[in-house]
Amino acid sequence: MPAARRRPVLHIRLNLTPAVGFGPGKADLLERLAETGSISAAAKAMKMSYRRAWLLLEELNRSFRQPVAVKTKGGRGGGGGATLTPWGRTVLKHYRTIEAKAQRAAGPLIAALRRNLG
C-alpha cells in the first residue's frame, strides 16, 4: 500500500518519570514475551538481540515496585523461560488502553491534517 494511503499511526510514549519511559517497543516486547514464554523468542520475533530484550525487561523490573516479568529455570536438558507477572499484564493492558483512547480522540484531527496534505 502506498505510504500516502496508509492509516496514520499514533505512537504513545509515556515518560512516567524523567528516567522511566514506556512506549510501543517495550509494550511489543511484553506482548511477545506473553505469547512465547521466552525472552529469546520474543527478541527474535522483534529482530532484537537477546541482550537488548533482557536489558529492557530488567529496566522495567527495576522501574516498578513489582516485576513485570520473571525468568523460570528449565528442567533437565531444557532451557528456561520467562513469563509476564500479573503486574506486567496490567502494565501492558493500561498502555494499550491509553493508546486506543488517544487514537480515537485524535482520529478526527489527524484526518483533518491528512485532508490538507499537499
Protein backbone atom coordinates (compact mmCIF):
# COMPACT_ATOMS: atom_id res chain seq x y z
CA MET A 1 0.00 0.00 0.00
CA PRO A 2 1.47 3.43 -0.88
CA ALA A 3 2.59 5.47 2.12
CA ALA A 4 0.02 8.18 1.38
CA ARG A 5 -2.84 5.65 1.74
CA ARG A 6 -1.71 4.01 4.97
CA ARG A 7 -3.69 4.82 8.05
CA PRO A 8 -1.81 7.26 10.29
CA VAL A 9 -0.33 5.68 13.38
CA LEU A 10 -0.23 7.49 16.69
CA HIS A 11 2.75 6.39 18.79
CA ILE A 12 2.43 7.00 22.51
CA ARG A 13 5.47 7.18 24.73
CA LEU A 14 4.81 7.62 28.41
CA ASN A 15 7.54 9.38 30.33
CA LEU A 16 6.43 8.24 33.76
CA THR A 17 9.43 10.00 35.31
CA PRO A 18 12.47 11.59 33.68
CA ALA A 19 14.21 8.21 33.98
CA VAL A 20 11.31 5.82 33.30
CA GLY A 21 9.72 5.59 29.89
CA PHE A 22 7.30 3.13 28.37
CA GLY A 23 6.35 3.07 24.72
CA PRO A 24 5.48 0.86 21.78
CA GLY A 25 8.75 -1.09 21.80
CA LYS A 26 8.51 -2.17 25.42
CA ALA A 27 4.81 -2.91 25.01
CA ASP A 28 5.52 -5.09 21.97
CA LEU A 29 8.28 -6.87 23.89
CA LEU A 30 5.88 -7.67 26.74
CA GLU A 31 3.31 -8.96 24.25
CA ARG A 32 5.85 -11.20 22.52
CA LEU A 33 7.06 -12.48 25.87
CA ALA A 34 3.48 -13.33 26.87
CA GLU A 35 2.97 -15.13 23.55
CA THR A 36 6.23 -17.09 23.51
CA GLY A 37 7.18 -17.58 27.14
CA SER A 38 10.77 -16.89 26.12
CA ILE A 39 12.96 -13.78 26.13
CA SER A 40 14.97 -15.26 23.28
CA ALA A 41 11.90 -15.99 21.13
CA ALA A 42 10.38 -12.58 21.93
CA ALA A 43 13.62 -10.86 20.93
CA LYS A 44 13.89 -12.90 17.74
CA ALA A 45 10.30 -12.05 16.77
CA MET A 46 11.20 -8.37 17.11
CA LYS A 47 14.55 -8.70 15.33
CA MET A 48 16.24 -7.62 18.55
CA SER A 49 19.23 -9.12 20.33
CA TYR A 50 18.58 -11.27 23.37
CA ARG A 51 20.78 -8.92 25.38
CA ARG A 52 18.74 -5.86 24.38
CA ALA A 53 15.46 -7.60 25.28
CA TRP A 54 16.88 -8.79 28.59
CA LEU A 55 18.14 -5.27 29.42
CA LEU A 56 14.74 -3.72 28.62
CA LEU A 57 12.97 -6.23 30.84
CA GLU A 58 15.46 -5.67 33.65
CA GLU A 59 14.94 -1.91 33.30
CA LEU A 60 11.17 -2.36 33.59
CA ASN A 61 11.55 -4.69 36.56
CA ARG A 62 13.73 -2.11 38.35
CA SER A 63 11.37 0.76 37.48
CA PHE A 64 8.25 -0.59 39.13
CA ARG A 65 7.66 -1.76 42.69
CA GLN A 66 6.74 -5.17 41.31
CA PRO A 67 8.42 -7.03 38.44
CA VAL A 68 6.72 -7.10 35.05
CA ALA A 69 8.35 -10.41 34.09
CA VAL A 70 10.09 -13.28 35.80
CA LYS A 71 12.52 -15.84 34.45
CA THR A 72 11.91 -19.51 35.08
CA LYS A 73 14.54 -22.20 35.32
CA GLY A 74 14.44 -25.01 32.83
CA GLY A 75 14.25 -28.63 33.76
CA ARG A 76 16.84 -31.26 32.99
CA GLY A 77 18.06 -30.75 29.45
CA GLY A 78 15.61 -27.93 28.83
CA GLY A 79 16.07 -24.22 28.72
CA GLY A 80 14.37 -21.78 30.96
CA GLY A 81 11.66 -19.39 30.04
CA ALA A 82 10.06 -16.19 31.14
CA THR A 83 6.56 -15.05 31.82
CA LEU A 84 4.69 -11.85 32.49
CA THR A 85 3.62 -11.31 36.04
CA PRO A 86 0.10 -10.16 36.83
CA TRP A 87 1.58 -6.66 37.17
CA GLY A 88 3.24 -6.99 33.76
CA ARG A 89 -0.12 -7.89 32.22
CA THR A 90 -1.67 -4.86 33.96
CA VAL A 91 1.06 -2.51 32.68
CA LEU A 92 0.52 -3.79 29.14
CA LYS A 93 -3.28 -3.53 29.40
CA HIS A 94 -3.11 0.04 30.74
CA TYR A 95 -0.72 1.09 27.98
CA ARG A 96 -2.83 -0.45 25.20
CA THR A 97 -5.96 1.22 26.64
CA ILE A 98 -4.20 4.60 26.67
CA GLU A 99 -3.13 4.02 23.05
CA ALA A 100 -6.65 3.12 21.91
CA LYS A 101 -8.27 6.09 23.67
CA ALA A 102 -5.69 8.50 22.27
CA GLN A 103 -6.16 7.13 18.75
CA ARG A 104 -9.94 7.57 18.98
CA ALA A 105 -9.61 11.09 20.38
CA ALA A 106 -7.01 12.18 17.83
CA GLY A 107 -8.60 10.46 14.83
CA PRO A 108 -10.70 13.39 13.56
CA LEU A 109 -7.82 15.84 13.96
CA ILE A 110 -5.41 13.52 12.17
CA ALA A 111 -7.96 13.09 9.37
CA ALA A 112 -8.23 16.89 9.03
CA LEU A 113 -4.45 17.15 8.72
CA ARG A 114 -4.35 14.38 6.13
CA ARG A 115 -7.06 16.05 4.03
CA ASN A 116 -4.82 19.09 3.77
CA LEU A 117 -1.63 17.33 2.74
CA GLY A 118 -0.07 18.61 -0.49
